[in-house]
């Protein structure tokens, strides 16, 4: 599990559990689980996984709705 970012209050913005199911074409495929929001999303590459995490953190800090 990876803890990403903290607000000034000390509360966690995002804790993500990564489950890598396959490695193909020199990258990962699997599922990302956002613990605080109880949301799951499949990803097809490590880059897509990082983009999902970045989107979640960016929108959470701006209090926008995350699409996944």
PDB file of N, CA and C in Angstrom:
ATOM      1  N   UNK A   1       0.827  -1.162   0.000  1.00  0.00           N
ATOM      2  CA  UNK A   1       0.000   0.000   0.000  1.00  0.00           C
ATOM      3  C   UNK A   1       0.884   1.241   0.000  1.00  0.00           C
ATOM      4  N   UNK A   2       0.431   2.273  -0.665  1.00  0.00           N
ATOM      5  CA  UNK A   2       1.202   3.496  -0.773  1.00  0.00           C
ATOM      6  C   UNK A   2       0.360   4.666  -0.288  1.00  0.00           C
ATOM      7  N   UNK A   3       0.913   5.474   0.602  1.00  0.00           N
ATOM      8  CA  UNK A   3       0.217   6.647   1.102  1.00  0.00           C
ATOM      9  C   UNK A   3       0.734   7.850   0.349  1.00  0.00           C
ATOM     10  N   UNK A   4      -0.188   8.617  -0.257  1.00  0.00           N
ATOM     11  CA  UNK A   4       0.211   9.734  -1.098  1.00  0.00           C
ATOM     12  C   UNK A   4      -0.401  11.016  -0.571  1.00  0.00           C
ATOM     13  N   UNK A   5       0.444  11.998  -0.275  1.00  0.00           N
ATOM     14  CA  UNK A   5      -0.008  13.342   0.071  1.00  0.00           C
ATOM     15  C   UNK A   5      -0.689  13.455   1.427  1.00  0.00           C
ATOM     16  N   UNK A   6      -0.524  14.590   2.046  1.00  0.00           N
ATOM     17  CA  UNK A   6      -1.202  14.885   3.306  1.00  0.00           C
ATOM     18  C   UNK A   6      -1.672  16.328   3.260  1.00  0.00           C
ATOM     19  N   UNK A   7      -2.847  16.553   3.811  1.00  0.00           N
ATOM     20  CA  UNK A   7      -3.339  17.911   3.940  1.00  0.00           C
ATOM     21  C   UNK A   7      -2.761  18.496   5.216  1.00  0.00           C
ATOM     22  N   UNK A   8      -2.916  19.793   5.406  1.00  0.00           N
ATOM     23  CA  UNK A   8      -2.366  20.449   6.593  1.00  0.00           C
ATOM     24  C   UNK A   8      -2.951  19.896   7.881  1.00  0.00           C
ATOM     25  N   UNK A   9      -4.154  19.348   7.820  1.00  0.00           N
ATOM     26  CA  UNK A   9      -4.801  18.799   9.011  1.00  0.00           C
ATOM     27  C   UNK A   9      -4.184  17.475   9.417  1.00  0.00           C
ATOM     28  N   UNK A  10      -3.342  16.898   8.559  1.00  0.00           N
ATOM     29  CA  UNK A  10      -2.721  15.623   8.857  1.00  0.00           C
ATOM     30  C   UNK A  10      -3.517  14.441   8.334  1.00  0.00           C
ATOM     31  N   UNK A  11      -4.690  14.685   7.762  1.00  0.00           N
ATOM     32  CA  UNK A  11      -5.486  13.581   7.227  1.00  0.00           C
ATOM     33  C   UNK A  11      -4.922  13.150   5.875  1.00  0.00           C
ATOM     34  N   UNK A  12      -5.107  11.896   5.552  1.00  0.00           N
ATOM     35  CA  UNK A  12      -4.579  11.343   4.313  1.00  0.00           C
ATOM     36  C   UNK A  12      -5.491  11.677   3.148  1.00  0.00           C
ATOM     37  N   UNK A  13      -4.926  12.142   2.053  1.00  0.00           N
ATOM     38  CA  UNK A  13      -5.684  12.427   0.843  1.00  0.00           C
ATOM     39  C   UNK A  13      -5.949  11.140   0.077  1.00  0.00           C
ATOM     40  N   UNK A  14      -4.914  10.330  -0.058  1.00  0.00           N
ATOM     41  CA  UNK A  14      -5.099   9.133  -0.857  1.00  0.00           C
ATOM     42  C   UNK A  14      -4.230   7.976  -0.421  1.00  0.00           C
ATOM     43  N   UNK A  15      -4.874   6.855  -0.191  1.00  0.00           N
ATOM     44  CA  UNK A  15      -4.171   5.605   0.043  1.00  0.00           C
ATOM     45  C   UNK A  15      -4.624   4.654  -1.038  1.00  0.00           C
ATOM     46  N   UNK A  16      -3.670   4.142  -1.802  1.00  0.00           N
ATOM     47  CA  UNK A  16      -3.998   3.294  -2.931  1.00  0.00           C
ATOM     48  C   UNK A  16      -3.402   1.910  -2.739  1.00  0.00           C
ATOM     49  N   UNK A  17      -4.204   0.904  -3.017  1.00  0.00           N
ATOM     50  CA  UNK A  17      -3.738  -0.472  -3.002  1.00  0.00           C
ATOM     51  C   UNK A  17      -3.640  -0.915  -4.459  1.00  0.00           C
ATOM     52  N   UNK A  18      -2.469  -1.344  -4.858  1.00  0.00           N
ATOM     53  CA  UNK A  18      -2.215  -1.730  -6.237  1.00  0.00           C
ATOM     54  C   UNK A  18      -2.117  -3.245  -6.317  1.00  0.00           C
ATOM     55  N   UNK A  19      -2.886  -3.819  -7.220  1.00  0.00           N
ATOM     56  CA  UNK A  19      -2.832  -5.262  -7.454  1.00  0.00           C
ATOM     57  C   UNK A  19      -2.406  -5.486  -8.898  1.00  0.00           C
ATOM     58  N   UNK A  20      -1.177  -5.949  -9.081  1.00  0.00           N
ATOM     59  CA  UNK A  20      -0.668  -6.217 -10.429  1.00  0.00           C
ATOM     60  C   UNK A  20      -1.060  -7.639 -10.802  1.00  0.00           C
ATOM     61  N   UNK A  21      -1.857  -7.762 -11.861  1.00  0.00           N
ATOM     62  CA  UNK A  21      -2.357  -9.072 -12.295  1.00  0.00           C
ATOM     63  C   UNK A  21      -1.443  -9.701 -13.348  1.00  0.00           C
ATOM     64  N   UNK A  22      -0.923  -8.868 -14.247  1.00  0.00           N
ATOM     65  CA  UNK A  22      -0.098  -9.347 -15.355  1.00  0.00           C
ATOM     66  C   UNK A  22       1.032  -8.367 -15.619  1.00  0.00           C
ATOM     67  N   UNK A  23       2.091  -8.846 -16.223  1.00  0.00           N
ATOM     68  CA  UNK A  23       3.118  -7.979 -16.786  1.00  0.00           C
ATOM     69  C   UNK A  23       3.249  -8.377 -18.251  1.00  0.00           C
ATOM     70  N   UNK A  24       3.009  -7.424 -19.119  1.00  0.00           N
ATOM     71  CA  UNK A  24       3.033  -7.681 -20.555  1.00  0.00           C
ATOM     72  C   UNK A  24       3.509  -6.415 -21.252  1.00  0.00           C
ATOM     73  N   UNK A  25       4.274  -6.571 -22.326  1.00  0.00           N
ATOM     74  CA  UNK A  25       4.813  -5.420 -23.063  1.00  0.00           C
ATOM     75  C   UNK A  25       5.622  -4.504 -22.152  1.00  0.00           C
ATOM     76  N   UNK A  26       6.373  -5.088 -21.251  1.00  0.00           N
ATOM     77  CA  UNK A  26       7.261  -4.363 -20.326  1.00  0.00           C
ATOM     78  C   UNK A  26       6.529  -3.381 -19.426  1.00  0.00           C
ATOM     79  N   UNK A  27       5.278  -3.673 -19.064  1.00  0.00           N
ATOM     80  CA  UNK A  27       4.546  -2.814 -18.142  1.00  0.00           C
ATOM     81  C   UNK A  27       3.564  -3.662 -17.338  1.00  0.00           C
ATOM     82  N   UNK A  28       2.864  -3.015 -16.404  1.00  0.00           N
ATOM     83  CA  UNK A  28       1.938  -3.716 -15.518  1.00  0.00           C
ATOM     84  C   UNK A  28       0.505  -3.553 -15.984  1.00  0.00           C
ATOM     85  N   UNK A  29      -0.310  -4.551 -15.715  1.00  0.00           N
ATOM     86  CA  UNK A  29      -1.754  -4.468 -15.860  1.00  0.00           C
ATOM     87  C   UNK A  29      -2.338  -4.967 -14.542  1.00  0.00           C
ATOM     88  N   UNK A  30      -3.398  -4.308 -14.094  1.00  0.00           N
ATOM     89  CA  UNK A  30      -3.985  -4.736 -12.832  1.00  0.00           C
ATOM     90  C   UNK A  30      -5.112  -3.842 -12.387  1.00  0.00           C
ATOM     91  N   UNK A  31      -5.228  -3.710 -11.066  1.00  0.00           N
ATOM     92  CA  UNK A  31      -6.336  -2.964 -10.471  1.00  0.00           C
ATOM     93  C   UNK A  31      -5.791  -2.044  -9.386  1.00  0.00           C
ATOM     94  N   UNK A  32      -6.349  -0.833  -9.340  1.00  0.00           N
ATOM     95  CA  UNK A  32      -6.006   0.128  -8.300  1.00  0.00           C
ATOM     96  C   UNK A  32      -7.245   0.330  -7.434  1.00  0.00           C
ATOM     97  N   UNK A  33      -7.046   0.295  -6.130  1.00  0.00           N
ATOM     98  CA  UNK A  33      -8.142   0.467  -5.185  1.00  0.00           C
ATOM     99  C   UNK A  33      -7.843   1.695  -4.332  1.00  0.00           C
ATOM    100  N   UNK A  34      -8.731   2.692  -4.426  1.00  0.00           N
ATOM    101  CA  UNK A  34      -8.606   3.908  -3.633  1.00  0.00           C
ATOM    102  C   UNK A  34      -9.325   3.650  -2.317  1.00  0.00           C
ATOM    103  N   UNK A  35      -8.579   3.485  -1.250  1.00  0.00           N
ATOM    104  CA  UNK A  35      -9.112   3.038   0.032  1.00  0.00           C
ATOM    105  C   UNK A  35     -10.140   4.021   0.607  1.00  0.00           C
ATOM    106  N   UNK A  36      -9.815   5.307   0.682  1.00  0.00           N
ATOM    107  CA  UNK A  36     -10.706   6.288   1.308  1.00  0.00           C
ATOM    108  C   UNK A  36     -12.055   6.395   0.605  1.00  0.00           C
ATOM    109  N   UNK A  37     -12.070   6.313  -0.716  1.00  0.00           N
ATOM    110  CA  UNK A  37     -13.308   6.475  -1.490  1.00  0.00           C
ATOM    111  C   UNK A  37     -13.984   5.145  -1.814  1.00  0.00           C
ATOM    112  N   UNK A  38     -13.315   4.036  -1.474  1.00  0.00           N
ATOM    113  CA  UNK A  38     -13.848   2.696  -1.757  1.00  0.00           C
ATOM    114  C   UNK A  38     -14.182   2.536  -3.240  1.00  0.00           C
ATOM    115  N   UNK A  39     -13.253   2.980  -4.092  1.00  0.00           N
ATOM    116  CA  UNK A  39     -13.421   2.869  -5.542  1.00  0.00           C
ATOM    117  C   UNK A  39     -12.301   2.015  -6.120  1.00  0.00           C
ATOM    118  N   UNK A  40     -12.634   1.266  -7.163  1.00  0.00           N
ATOM    119  CA  UNK A  40     -11.644   0.431  -7.846  1.00  0.00           C
ATOM    120  C   UNK A  40     -11.663   0.751  -9.331  1.00  0.00           C
ATOM    121  N   UNK A  41     -10.488   0.614  -9.958  1.00  0.00           N
ATOM    122  CA  UNK A  41     -10.379   0.869 -11.395  1.00  0.00           C
ATOM    123  C   UNK A  41      -9.271  -0.011 -11.951  1.00  0.00           C
ATOM    124  N   UNK A  42      -9.518  -0.617 -13.090  1.00  0.00           N
ATOM    125  CA  UNK A  42      -8.495  -1.395 -13.777  1.00  0.00           C
ATOM    126  C   UNK A  42      -7.567  -0.449 -14.528  1.00  0.00           C
ATOM    127  N   UNK A  43      -6.307  -0.857 -14.672  1.00  0.00           N
ATOM    128  CA  UNK A  43      -5.367  -0.080 -15.474  1.00  0.00           C
ATOM    129  C   UNK A  43      -4.623  -1.021 -16.413  1.00  0.00           C
ATOM    130  N   UNK A  44      -4.193  -0.467 -17.558  1.00  0.00           N
ATOM    131  CA  UNK A  44      -3.527  -1.262 -18.595  1.00  0.00           C
ATOM    132  C   UNK A  44      -2.036  -1.034 -18.670  1.00  0.00           C
ATOM    133  N   UNK A  45      -1.533  -0.052 -17.931  1.00  0.00           N
ATOM    134  CA  UNK A  45      -0.091   0.208 -17.924  1.00  0.00           C
ATOM    135  C   UNK A  45       0.272   0.949 -16.649  1.00  0.00           C
ATOM    136  N   UNK A  46       1.545   0.930 -16.317  1.00  0.00           N
ATOM    137  CA  UNK A  46       2.017   1.653 -15.142  1.00  0.00           C
ATOM    138  C   UNK A  46       1.755   3.154 -15.306  1.00  0.00           C
ATOM    139  N   UNK A  47       1.905   3.660 -16.515  1.00  0.00           N
ATOM    140  CA  UNK A  47       1.644   5.076 -16.767  1.00  0.00           C
ATOM    141  C   UNK A  47       0.172   5.407 -16.516  1.00  0.00           C
ATOM    142  N   UNK A  48      -0.734   4.569 -16.984  1.00  0.00           N
ATOM    143  CA  UNK A  48      -2.161   4.800 -16.755  1.00  0.00           C
ATOM    144  C   UNK A  48      -2.471   4.751 -15.248  1.00  0.00           C
ATOM    145  N   UNK A  49      -1.841   3.842 -14.523  1.00  0.00           N
ATOM    146  CA  UNK A  49      -2.022   3.752 -13.076  1.00  0.00           C
ATOM    147  C   UNK A  49      -1.613   5.058 -12.398  1.00  0.00           C
ATOM    148  N   UNK A  50      -0.445   5.581 -12.779  1.00  0.00           N
ATOM    149  CA  UNK A  50       0.017   6.843 -12.201  1.00  0.00           C
ATOM    150  C   UNK A  50      -0.905   8.006 -12.556  1.00  0.00           C
ATOM    151  N   UNK A  51      -1.422   8.021 -13.777  1.00  0.00           N
ATOM    152  CA  UNK A  51      -2.349   9.077 -14.176  1.00  0.00           C
ATOM    153  C   UNK A  51      -3.644   9.013 -13.368  1.00  0.00           C
ATOM    154  N   UNK A  52      -4.140   7.809 -13.097  1.00  0.00           N
ATOM    155  CA  UNK A  52      -5.338   7.656 -12.274  1.00  0.00           C
ATOM    156  C   UNK A  52      -5.103   8.187 -10.862  1.00  0.00           C
ATOM    157  N   UNK A  53      -3.953   7.862 -10.301  1.00  0.00           N
ATOM    158  CA  UNK A  53      -3.622   8.351  -8.969  1.00  0.00           C
ATOM    159  C   UNK A  53      -3.489   9.874  -8.962  1.00  0.00           C
ATOM    160  N   UNK A  54      -2.825  10.415  -9.977  1.00  0.00           N
ATOM    161  CA  UNK A  54      -2.643  11.862 -10.077  1.00  0.00           C
ATOM    162  C   UNK A  54      -3.981  12.574 -10.208  1.00  0.00           C
ATOM    163  N   UNK A  55      -4.865  12.042 -11.048  1.00  0.00           N
ATOM    164  CA  UNK A  55      -6.200  12.630 -11.230  1.00  0.00           C
ATOM    165  C   UNK A  55      -6.975  12.612  -9.915  1.00  0.00           C
ATOM    166  N   UNK A  56      -6.912  11.505  -9.203  1.00  0.00           N
ATOM    167  CA  UNK A  56      -7.638  11.382  -7.939  1.00  0.00           C
ATOM    168  C   UNK A  56      -7.143  12.402  -6.921  1.00  0.00           C
ATOM    169  N   UNK A  57      -5.843  12.532  -6.783  1.00  0.00           N
ATOM    170  CA  UNK A  57      -5.267  13.471  -5.812  1.00  0.00           C
ATOM    171  C   UNK A  57      -5.572  14.912  -6.203  1.00  0.00           C
ATOM    172  N   UNK A  58      -5.398  15.240  -7.490  1.00  0.00           N
ATOM    173  CA  UNK A  58      -5.626  16.617  -7.950  1.00  0.00           C
ATOM    174  C   UNK A  58      -7.075  17.038  -7.742  1.00  0.00           C
ATOM    175  N   UNK A  59      -8.001  16.170  -8.095  1.00  0.00           N
ATOM    176  CA  UNK A  59      -9.415  16.528  -7.950  1.00  0.00           C
ATOM    177  C   UNK A  59      -9.857  16.513  -6.498  1.00  0.00           C
ATOM    178  N   UNK A  60      -9.288  15.641  -5.705  1.00  0.00           N
ATOM    179  CA  UNK A  60      -9.638  15.583  -4.281  1.00  0.00           C
ATOM    180  C   UNK A  60      -9.217  16.857  -3.565  1.00  0.00           C
ATOM    181  N   UNK A  61      -8.044  17.383  -3.899  1.00  0.00           N
ATOM    182  CA  UNK A  61      -7.586  18.614  -3.238  1.00  0.00           C
ATOM    183  C   UNK A  61      -8.388  19.830  -3.691  1.00  0.00           C
ATOM    184  N   UNK A  62      -8.990  19.757  -4.880  1.00  0.00           N
ATOM    185  CA  UNK A  62      -9.839  20.841  -5.374  1.00  0.00           C
ATOM    186  C   UNK A  62     -11.310  20.580  -5.067  1.00  0.00           C
ATOM    187  N   UNK A  63     -11.601  19.460  -4.391  1.00  0.00           N
ATOM    188  CA  UNK A  63     -12.949  19.051  -4.025  1.00  0.00           C
ATOM    189  C   UNK A  63     -13.847  18.873  -5.247  1.00  0.00           C
ATOM    190  N   UNK A  64     -13.277  18.369  -6.340  1.00  0.00           N
ATOM    191  CA  UNK A  64     -14.053  18.037  -7.534  1.00  0.00           C
ATOM    192  C   UNK A  64     -14.383  16.555  -7.512  1.00  0.00           C
ATOM    193  N   UNK A  65     -15.360  16.154  -8.301  1.00  0.00           N
ATOM    194  CA  UNK A  65     -15.748  14.746  -8.368  1.00  0.00           C
ATOM    195  C   UNK A  65     -14.769  13.984  -9.268  1.00  0.00           C
ATOM    196  N   UNK A  66     -14.293  12.862  -8.776  1.00  0.00           N
ATOM    197  CA  UNK A  66     -13.395  12.002  -9.536  1.00  0.00           C
ATOM    198  C   UNK A  66     -14.234  11.091 -10.412  1.00  0.00           C
ATOM    199  N   UNK A  67     -13.818  10.915 -11.666  1.00  0.00           N
ATOM    200  CA  UNK A  67     -14.630  10.178 -12.633  1.00  0.00           C
ATOM    201  C   UNK A  67     -14.495   8.676 -12.559  1.00  0.00           C
ATOM    202  N   UNK A  68     -13.538   8.163 -11.802  1.00  0.00           N
ATOM    203  CA  UNK A  68     -13.429   6.713 -11.749  1.00  0.00           C
ATOM    204  C   UNK A  68     -13.814   6.169 -10.448  1.00  0.00           C
TER     205      UNK A  68
END
